[in-house]
Full PDB file with SEQRES, HELIX, SHEET, SSBOND, CRYST1, ORIGX, SCALE, CONECT and MASTER records, all heavy atoms in Angstrom:
SEQRES   1 A   27  ALA TYR SER LYS HIS ASP VAL LEU ILE GLU PHE ALA LYS          
SEQRES   2 A   27  ILE ASP PHE ASN ILE VAL GLN ALA VAL HIS GLN GLU GLU          
SEQRES   3 A   27  LEU                                                          
HELIX    1 AA1 VAL A    7  GLU A   26  1                                  20    
CRYST1    1.000    1.000    1.000  90.00  90.00  90.00 P 1           1          
ORIGX1      1.000000  0.000000  0.000000        0.00000                         
ORIGX2      0.000000  1.000000  0.000000        0.00000                         
ORIGX3      0.000000  0.000000  1.000000        0.00000                         
SCALE1      1.000000  0.000000  0.000000        0.00000                         
SCALE2      0.000000  1.000000  0.000000        0.00000                         
SCALE3      0.000000  0.000000  1.000000        0.00000                         
ATOM      1  N   ALA A   1     -26.800  16.074  44.143  1.00  0.00           N  
ATOM      2  CA  ALA A   1     -27.067  15.930  42.707  1.00  0.00           C  
ATOM      3  C   ALA A   1     -25.839  15.490  41.914  1.00  0.00           C  
ATOM      4  O   ALA A   1     -25.955  15.182  40.725  1.00  0.00           O  
ATOM      5  CB  ALA A   1     -27.579  17.253  42.139  1.00  0.00           C  
ATOM      6  N   TYR A   2     -24.673  15.477  42.553  1.00  0.00           N  
ATOM      7  CA  TYR A   2     -23.420  15.187  41.835  1.00  0.00           C  
ATOM      8  C   TYR A   2     -23.470  13.765  41.287  1.00  0.00           C  
ATOM      9  O   TYR A   2     -23.705  12.805  42.013  1.00  0.00           O  
ATOM     10  CB  TYR A   2     -22.245  15.346  42.798  1.00  0.00           C  
ATOM     11  CG  TYR A   2     -20.896  15.474  42.130  1.00  0.00           C  
ATOM     12  CD1 TYR A   2     -20.467  16.701  41.643  1.00  0.00           C  
ATOM     13  CD2 TYR A   2     -20.050  14.387  42.016  1.00  0.00           C  
ATOM     14  CE1 TYR A   2     -19.228  16.840  41.050  1.00  0.00           C  
ATOM     15  CE2 TYR A   2     -18.803  14.510  41.426  1.00  0.00           C  
ATOM     16  CZ  TYR A   2     -18.392  15.739  40.944  1.00  0.00           C  
ATOM     17  OH  TYR A   2     -17.148  15.865  40.360  1.00  0.00           O  
ATOM     18  N   SER A   3     -23.244  13.625  39.999  1.00  0.00           N  
ATOM     19  CA  SER A   3     -23.468  12.336  39.336  1.00  0.00           C  
ATOM     20  C   SER A   3     -22.266  11.401  39.377  1.00  0.00           C  
ATOM     21  O   SER A   3     -22.421  10.186  39.275  1.00  0.00           O  
ATOM     22  CB  SER A   3     -23.884  12.570  37.874  1.00  0.00           C  
ATOM     23  OG  SER A   3     -22.898  13.326  37.190  1.00  0.00           O  
ATOM     24  N   LYS A   4     -21.063  11.946  39.543  1.00  0.00           N  
ATOM     25  CA  LYS A   4     -19.873  11.101  39.522  1.00  0.00           C  
ATOM     26  C   LYS A   4     -19.519  10.626  40.925  1.00  0.00           C  
ATOM     27  O   LYS A   4     -19.665  11.346  41.897  1.00  0.00           O  
ATOM     28  CB  LYS A   4     -18.686  11.881  38.937  1.00  0.00           C  
ATOM     29  CG  LYS A   4     -18.809  12.221  37.471  1.00  0.00           C  
ATOM     30  CD  LYS A   4     -17.562  12.938  36.977  1.00  0.00           C  
ATOM     31  CE  LYS A   4     -17.674  13.277  35.501  1.00  0.00           C  
ATOM     32  NZ  LYS A   4     -16.467  14.004  35.021  1.00  0.00           N  
ATOM     33  N   HIS A   5     -19.045   9.407  41.036  1.00  0.00           N  
ATOM     34  CA  HIS A   5     -18.544   8.883  42.305  1.00  0.00           C  
ATOM     35  C   HIS A   5     -17.018   8.839  42.198  1.00  0.00           C  
ATOM     36  O   HIS A   5     -16.420   7.865  41.756  1.00  0.00           O  
ATOM     37  CB  HIS A   5     -19.119   7.496  42.584  1.00  0.00           C  
ATOM     38  CG  HIS A   5     -20.574   7.529  42.903  1.00  0.00           C  
ATOM     39  ND1 HIS A   5     -21.065   7.839  44.149  1.00  0.00           N  
ATOM     40  CD2 HIS A   5     -21.668   7.317  42.126  1.00  0.00           C  
ATOM     41  CE1 HIS A   5     -22.381   7.806  44.147  1.00  0.00           C  
ATOM     42  NE2 HIS A   5     -22.775   7.496  42.924  1.00  0.00           N  
ATOM     43  N   ASP A   6     -16.408   9.937  42.586  1.00  0.00           N  
ATOM     44  CA  ASP A   6     -14.966  10.050  42.478  1.00  0.00           C  
ATOM     45  C   ASP A   6     -14.399  10.601  43.776  1.00  0.00           C  
ATOM     46  O   ASP A   6     -15.121  10.782  44.760  1.00  0.00           O  
ATOM     47  CB  ASP A   6     -14.570  10.936  41.282  1.00  0.00           C  
ATOM     48  CG  ASP A   6     -15.202  12.336  41.352  1.00  0.00           C  
ATOM     49  OD1 ASP A   6     -15.681  12.724  42.432  1.00  0.00           O  
ATOM     50  OD2 ASP A   6     -15.208  13.034  40.325  1.00  0.00           O  
ATOM     51  N   VAL A   7     -13.109  10.865  43.790  1.00  0.00           N  
ATOM     52  CA  VAL A   7     -12.455  11.324  45.011  1.00  0.00           C  
ATOM     53  C   VAL A   7     -13.012  12.669  45.468  1.00  0.00           C  
ATOM     54  O   VAL A   7     -13.090  12.949  46.670  1.00  0.00           O  
ATOM     55  CB  VAL A   7     -10.924  11.391  44.805  1.00  0.00           C  
ATOM     56  CG1 VAL A   7     -10.542  12.468  43.784  1.00  0.00           C  
ATOM     57  CG2 VAL A   7     -10.202  11.641  46.122  1.00  0.00           C  
ATOM     58  N   LEU A   8     -13.443  13.503  44.530  1.00  0.00           N  
ATOM     59  CA  LEU A   8     -14.004  14.808  44.881  1.00  0.00           C  
ATOM     60  C   LEU A   8     -15.271  14.664  45.729  1.00  0.00           C  
ATOM     61  O   LEU A   8     -15.419  15.313  46.763  1.00  0.00           O  
ATOM     62  CB  LEU A   8     -14.345  15.604  43.613  1.00  0.00           C  
ATOM     63  CG  LEU A   8     -13.253  16.423  42.946  1.00  0.00           C  
ATOM     64  CD1 LEU A   8     -13.832  17.139  41.730  1.00  0.00           C  
ATOM     65  CD2 LEU A   8     -12.650  17.409  43.909  1.00  0.00           C  
ATOM     66  N   ILE A   9     -16.177  13.817  45.277  1.00  0.00           N  
ATOM     67  CA  ILE A   9     -17.452  13.688  45.992  1.00  0.00           C  
ATOM     68  C   ILE A   9     -17.256  12.966  47.311  1.00  0.00           C  
ATOM     69  O   ILE A   9     -17.903  13.293  48.326  1.00  0.00           O  
ATOM     70  CB  ILE A   9     -18.510  12.979  45.109  1.00  0.00           C  
ATOM     71  CG1 ILE A   9     -19.912  13.129  45.724  1.00  0.00           C  
ATOM     72  CG2 ILE A   9     -18.181  11.529  44.902  1.00  0.00           C  
ATOM     73  CD1 ILE A   9     -20.419  14.536  45.768  1.00  0.00           C  
ATOM     74  N   GLU A  10     -16.357  12.002  47.355  1.00  0.00           N  
ATOM     75  CA  GLU A  10     -16.067  11.304  48.610  1.00  0.00           C  
ATOM     76  C   GLU A  10     -15.504  12.282  49.640  1.00  0.00           C  
ATOM     77  O   GLU A  10     -15.910  12.289  50.811  1.00  0.00           O  
ATOM     78  CB  GLU A  10     -15.072  10.171  48.341  1.00  0.00           C  
ATOM     79  CG  GLU A  10     -14.904   9.215  49.497  1.00  0.00           C  
ATOM     80  CD  GLU A  10     -13.938   8.080  49.169  1.00  0.00           C  
ATOM     81  OE1 GLU A  10     -13.535   7.967  47.992  1.00  0.00           O  
ATOM     82  OE2 GLU A  10     -13.581   7.338  50.093  1.00  0.00           O  
ATOM     83  N   PHE A  11     -14.587  13.124  49.194  1.00  0.00           N  
ATOM     84  CA  PHE A  11     -13.986  14.142  50.054  1.00  0.00           C  
ATOM     85  C   PHE A  11     -15.048  15.146  50.525  1.00  0.00           C  
ATOM     86  O   PHE A  11     -15.126  15.490  51.714  1.00  0.00           O  
ATOM     87  CB  PHE A  11     -12.871  14.853  49.283  1.00  0.00           C  
ATOM     88  CG  PHE A  11     -12.280  16.047  49.970  1.00  0.00           C  
ATOM     89  CD1 PHE A  11     -11.791  15.963  51.265  1.00  0.00           C  
ATOM     90  CD2 PHE A  11     -12.190  17.264  49.301  1.00  0.00           C  
ATOM     91  CE1 PHE A  11     -11.231  17.070  51.887  1.00  0.00           C  
ATOM     92  CE2 PHE A  11     -11.639  18.371  49.920  1.00  0.00           C  
ATOM     93  CZ  PHE A  11     -11.157  18.273  51.217  1.00  0.00           C  
ATOM     94  N   ALA A  12     -15.883  15.600  49.596  1.00  0.00           N  
ATOM     95  CA  ALA A  12     -16.888  16.615  49.922  1.00  0.00           C  
ATOM     96  C   ALA A  12     -17.916  16.094  50.923  1.00  0.00           C  
ATOM     97  O   ALA A  12     -18.339  16.820  51.831  1.00  0.00           O  
ATOM     98  CB  ALA A  12     -17.585  17.086  48.648  1.00  0.00           C  
ATOM     99  N   LYS A  13     -18.326  14.833  50.789  1.00  0.00           N  
ATOM    100  CA  LYS A  13     -19.311  14.264  51.712  1.00  0.00           C  
ATOM    101  C   LYS A  13     -18.761  14.194  53.128  1.00  0.00           C  
ATOM    102  O   LYS A  13     -19.440  14.575  54.095  1.00  0.00           O  
ATOM    103  CB  LYS A  13     -19.729  12.876  51.237  1.00  0.00           C  
ATOM    104  CG  LYS A  13     -20.663  12.875  50.034  1.00  0.00           C  
ATOM    105  CD  LYS A  13     -21.021  11.452  49.643  1.00  0.00           C  
ATOM    106  CE  LYS A  13     -22.029  11.437  48.494  1.00  0.00           C  
ATOM    107  NZ  LYS A  13     -22.407  10.041  48.122  1.00  0.00           N  
ATOM    108  N   ILE A  14     -17.546  13.689  53.264  1.00  0.00           N  
ATOM    109  CA  ILE A  14     -16.955  13.582  54.602  1.00  0.00           C  
ATOM    110  C   ILE A  14     -16.756  14.970  55.197  1.00  0.00           C  
ATOM    111  O   ILE A  14     -17.040  15.207  56.379  1.00  0.00           O  
ATOM    112  CB  ILE A  14     -15.618  12.808  54.539  1.00  0.00           C  
ATOM    113  CG1 ILE A  14     -15.864  11.347  54.172  1.00  0.00           C  
ATOM    114  CG2 ILE A  14     -14.884  12.884  55.874  1.00  0.00           C  
ATOM    115  CD1 ILE A  14     -14.609  10.512  54.044  1.00  0.00           C  
ATOM    116  N   ASP A  15     -16.289  15.911  54.381  1.00  0.00           N  
ATOM    117  CA  ASP A  15     -16.050  17.262  54.889  1.00  0.00           C  
ATOM    118  C   ASP A  15     -17.363  17.922  55.310  1.00  0.00           C  
ATOM    119  O   ASP A  15     -17.415  18.600  56.342  1.00  0.00           O  
ATOM    120  CB  ASP A  15     -15.348  18.110  53.817  1.00  0.00           C  
ATOM    121  CG  ASP A  15     -14.877  19.440  54.366  1.00  0.00           C  
ATOM    122  OD1 ASP A  15     -13.866  19.454  55.099  1.00  0.00           O  
ATOM    123  OD2 ASP A  15     -15.529  20.470  54.091  1.00  0.00           O  
ATOM    124  N   PHE A  16     -18.407  17.726  54.529  1.00  0.00           N  
ATOM    125  CA  PHE A  16     -19.710  18.297  54.888  1.00  0.00           C  
ATOM    126  C   PHE A  16     -20.152  17.795  56.259  1.00  0.00           C  
ATOM    127  O   PHE A  16     -20.611  18.567  57.108  1.00  0.00           O  
ATOM    128  CB  PHE A  16     -20.765  17.943  53.836  1.00  0.00           C  
ATOM    129  CG  PHE A  16     -22.098  18.593  54.085  1.00  0.00           C  
ATOM    130  CD1 PHE A  16     -22.431  19.785  53.475  1.00  0.00           C  
ATOM    131  CD2 PHE A  16     -23.028  18.013  54.955  1.00  0.00           C  
ATOM    132  CE1 PHE A  16     -23.663  20.401  53.715  1.00  0.00           C  
ATOM    133  CE2 PHE A  16     -24.256  18.612  55.205  1.00  0.00           C  
ATOM    134  CZ  PHE A  16     -24.569  19.810  54.584  1.00  0.00           C  
ATOM    135  N   ASN A  17     -20.022  16.491  56.478  1.00  0.00           N  
ATOM    136  CA  ASN A  17     -20.448  15.917  57.756  1.00  0.00           C  
ATOM    137  C   ASN A  17     -19.599  16.416  58.918  1.00  0.00           C  
ATOM    138  O   ASN A  17     -20.125  16.676  60.010  1.00  0.00           O  
ATOM    139  CB  ASN A  17     -20.396  14.396  57.680  1.00  0.00           C  
ATOM    140  CG  ASN A  17     -21.533  13.819  56.851  1.00  0.00           C  
ATOM    141  OD1 ASN A  17     -22.555  14.467  56.629  1.00  0.00           O  
ATOM    142  ND2 ASN A  17     -21.359  12.593  56.372  1.00  0.00           N  
ATOM    143  N   ILE A  18     -18.301  16.562  58.704  1.00  0.00           N  
ATOM    144  CA  ILE A  18     -17.427  17.068  59.769  1.00  0.00           C  
ATOM    145  C   ILE A  18     -17.802  18.503  60.128  1.00  0.00           C  
ATOM    146  O   ILE A  18     -17.912  18.854  61.306  1.00  0.00           O  
ATOM    147  CB  ILE A  18     -15.944  16.973  59.344  1.00  0.00           C  
ATOM    148  CG1 ILE A  18     -15.499  15.510  59.300  1.00  0.00           C  
ATOM    149  CG2 ILE A  18     -15.048  17.776  60.279  1.00  0.00           C  
ATOM    150  CD1 ILE A  18     -14.119  15.297  58.723  1.00  0.00           C  
ATOM    151  N   VAL A  19     -18.016  19.324  59.114  1.00  0.00           N  
ATOM    152  CA  VAL A  19     -18.395  20.715  59.367  1.00  0.00           C  
ATOM    153  C   VAL A  19     -19.775  20.776  60.002  1.00  0.00           C  
ATOM    154  O   VAL A  19     -20.025  21.581  60.908  1.00  0.00           O  
ATOM    155  CB  VAL A  19     -18.341  21.542  58.063  1.00  0.00           C  
ATOM    156  CG1 VAL A  19     -18.860  22.950  58.292  1.00  0.00           C  
ATOM    157  CG2 VAL A  19     -16.910  21.595  57.531  1.00  0.00           C  
ATOM    158  N   GLN A  20     -20.692  19.911  59.563  1.00  0.00           N  
ATOM    159  CA  GLN A  20     -22.026  19.890  60.170  1.00  0.00           C  
ATOM    160  C   GLN A  20     -21.939  19.535  61.654  1.00  0.00           C  
ATOM    161  O   GLN A  20     -22.652  20.123  62.486  1.00  0.00           O  
ATOM    162  CB  GLN A  20     -22.925  18.880  59.462  1.00  0.00           C  
ATOM    163  CG  GLN A  20     -24.367  18.932  59.957  1.00  0.00           C  
ATOM    164  CD  GLN A  20     -25.232  17.843  59.369  1.00  0.00           C  
ATOM    165  OE1 GLN A  20     -25.128  16.684  59.777  1.00  0.00           O  
ATOM    166  NE2 GLN A  20     -26.079  18.210  58.407  1.00  0.00           N  
ATOM    167  N   ALA A  21     -21.056  18.621  62.021  1.00  0.00           N  
ATOM    168  CA  ALA A  21     -20.892  18.260  63.429  1.00  0.00           C  
ATOM    169  C   ALA A  21     -20.389  19.449  64.237  1.00  0.00           C  
ATOM    170  O   ALA A  21     -20.808  19.657  65.385  1.00  0.00           O  
ATOM    171  CB  ALA A  21     -19.924  17.083  63.558  1.00  0.00           C  
ATOM    172  N   VAL A  22     -19.493  20.254  63.657  1.00  0.00           N  
ATOM    173  CA  VAL A  22     -19.028  21.486  64.314  1.00  0.00           C  
ATOM    174  C   VAL A  22     -20.203  22.436  64.521  1.00  0.00           C  
ATOM    175  O   VAL A  22     -20.396  22.999  65.605  1.00  0.00           O  
ATOM    176  CB  VAL A  22     -17.922  22.160  63.481  1.00  0.00           C  
ATOM    177  CG1 VAL A  22     -17.581  23.540  64.037  1.00  0.00           C  
ATOM    178  CG2 VAL A  22     -16.668  21.285  63.444  1.00  0.00           C  
ATOM    179  N   HIS A  23     -21.001  22.616  63.477  1.00  0.00           N  
ATOM    180  CA  HIS A  23     -22.163  23.504  63.566  1.00  0.00           C  
ATOM    181  C   HIS A  23     -23.151  23.013  64.623  1.00  0.00           C  
ATOM    182  O   HIS A  23     -23.757  23.817  65.348  1.00  0.00           O  
ATOM    183  CB  HIS A  23     -22.859  23.592  62.207  1.00  0.00           C  
ATOM    184  CG  HIS A  23     -22.059  24.322  61.171  1.00  0.00           C  
ATOM    185  ND1 HIS A  23     -22.352  24.258  59.830  1.00  0.00           N  
ATOM    186  CD2 HIS A  23     -20.973  25.129  61.272  1.00  0.00           C  
ATOM    187  CE1 HIS A  23     -21.498  25.003  59.149  1.00  0.00           C  
ATOM    188  NE2 HIS A  23     -20.648  25.539  60.008  1.00  0.00           N  
ATOM    189  N   GLN A  24     -23.331  21.709  64.714  1.00  0.00           N  
ATOM    190  CA  GLN A  24     -24.272  21.167  65.701  1.00  0.00           C  
ATOM    191  C   GLN A  24     -23.824  21.461  67.129  1.00  0.00           C  
ATOM    192  O   GLN A  24     -24.651  21.790  67.992  1.00  0.00           O  
ATOM    193  CB  GLN A  24     -24.434  19.661  65.490  1.00  0.00           C  
ATOM    194  CG  GLN A  24     -25.235  19.312  64.242  1.00  0.00           C  
ATOM    195  CD  GLN A  24     -25.245  17.823  63.938  1.00  0.00           C  
ATOM    196  OE1 GLN A  24     -24.502  17.034  64.536  1.00  0.00           O  
ATOM    197  NE2 GLN A  24     -26.091  17.419  63.001  1.00  0.00           N  
ATOM    198  N   GLU A  25     -22.531  21.351  67.393  1.00  0.00           N  
ATOM    199  CA  GLU A  25     -22.031  21.653  68.741  1.00  0.00           C  
ATOM    200  C   GLU A  25     -22.227  23.131  69.070  1.00  0.00           C  
ATOM    201  O   GLU A  25     -22.569  23.491  70.203  1.00  0.00           O  
ATOM    202  CB  GLU A  25     -20.558  21.257  68.859  1.00  0.00           C  
ATOM    203  CG  GLU A  25     -20.309  19.763  68.833  1.00  0.00           C  
ATOM    204  CD  GLU A  25     -21.113  19.021  69.899  1.00  0.00           C  
ATOM    205  OE1 GLU A  25     -21.026  19.408  71.086  1.00  0.00           O  
ATOM    206  OE2 GLU A  25     -21.834  18.075  69.532  1.00  0.00           O  
ATOM    207  N   GLU A  26     -22.021  23.988  68.094  1.00  0.00           N  
ATOM    208  CA  GLU A  26     -22.258  25.419  68.308  1.00  0.00           C  
ATOM    209  C   GLU A  26     -23.734  25.696  68.587  1.00  0.00           C  
ATOM    210  O   GLU A  26     -24.071  26.514  69.458  1.00  0.00           O  
ATOM    211  CB  GLU A  26     -21.788  26.209  67.085  1.00  0.00           C  
ATOM    212  CG  GLU A  26     -20.276  26.175  66.878  1.00  0.00           C  
ATOM    213  CD  GLU A  26     -19.852  26.689  65.507  1.00  0.00           C  
ATOM    214  OE1 GLU A  26     -20.720  27.142  64.735  1.00  0.00           O  
ATOM    215  OE2 GLU A  26     -18.641  26.636  65.206  1.00  0.00           O  
ATOM    216  N   LEU A  27     -24.592  25.007  67.873  1.00  0.00           N  
ATOM    217  CA  LEU A  27     -26.034  25.203  68.054  1.00  0.00           C  
ATOM    218  C   LEU A  27     -26.474  24.739  69.445  1.00  0.00           C  
ATOM    219  O   LEU A  27     -27.335  25.374  70.072  1.00  0.00           O  
ATOM    220  CB  LEU A  27     -26.796  24.452  66.961  1.00  0.00           C  
ATOM    221  CG  LEU A  27     -28.309  24.668  66.880  1.00  0.00           C  
ATOM    222  CD1 LEU A  27     -28.663  26.146  66.854  1.00  0.00           C  
ATOM    223  CD2 LEU A  27     -28.867  23.960  65.651  1.00  0.00           C  
TER     224      LEU A  27                                                      
MASTER        0    0    0    1    0    0    0    6  223    1    0    3          
END                                                                             
């Protein structure tokens, strides 16, 4: 839902995917 395209959202998206990949390996 984040409306701005700035360094915060770019950072958060990549971090979410990296953490999700960790979670997937654990699963």
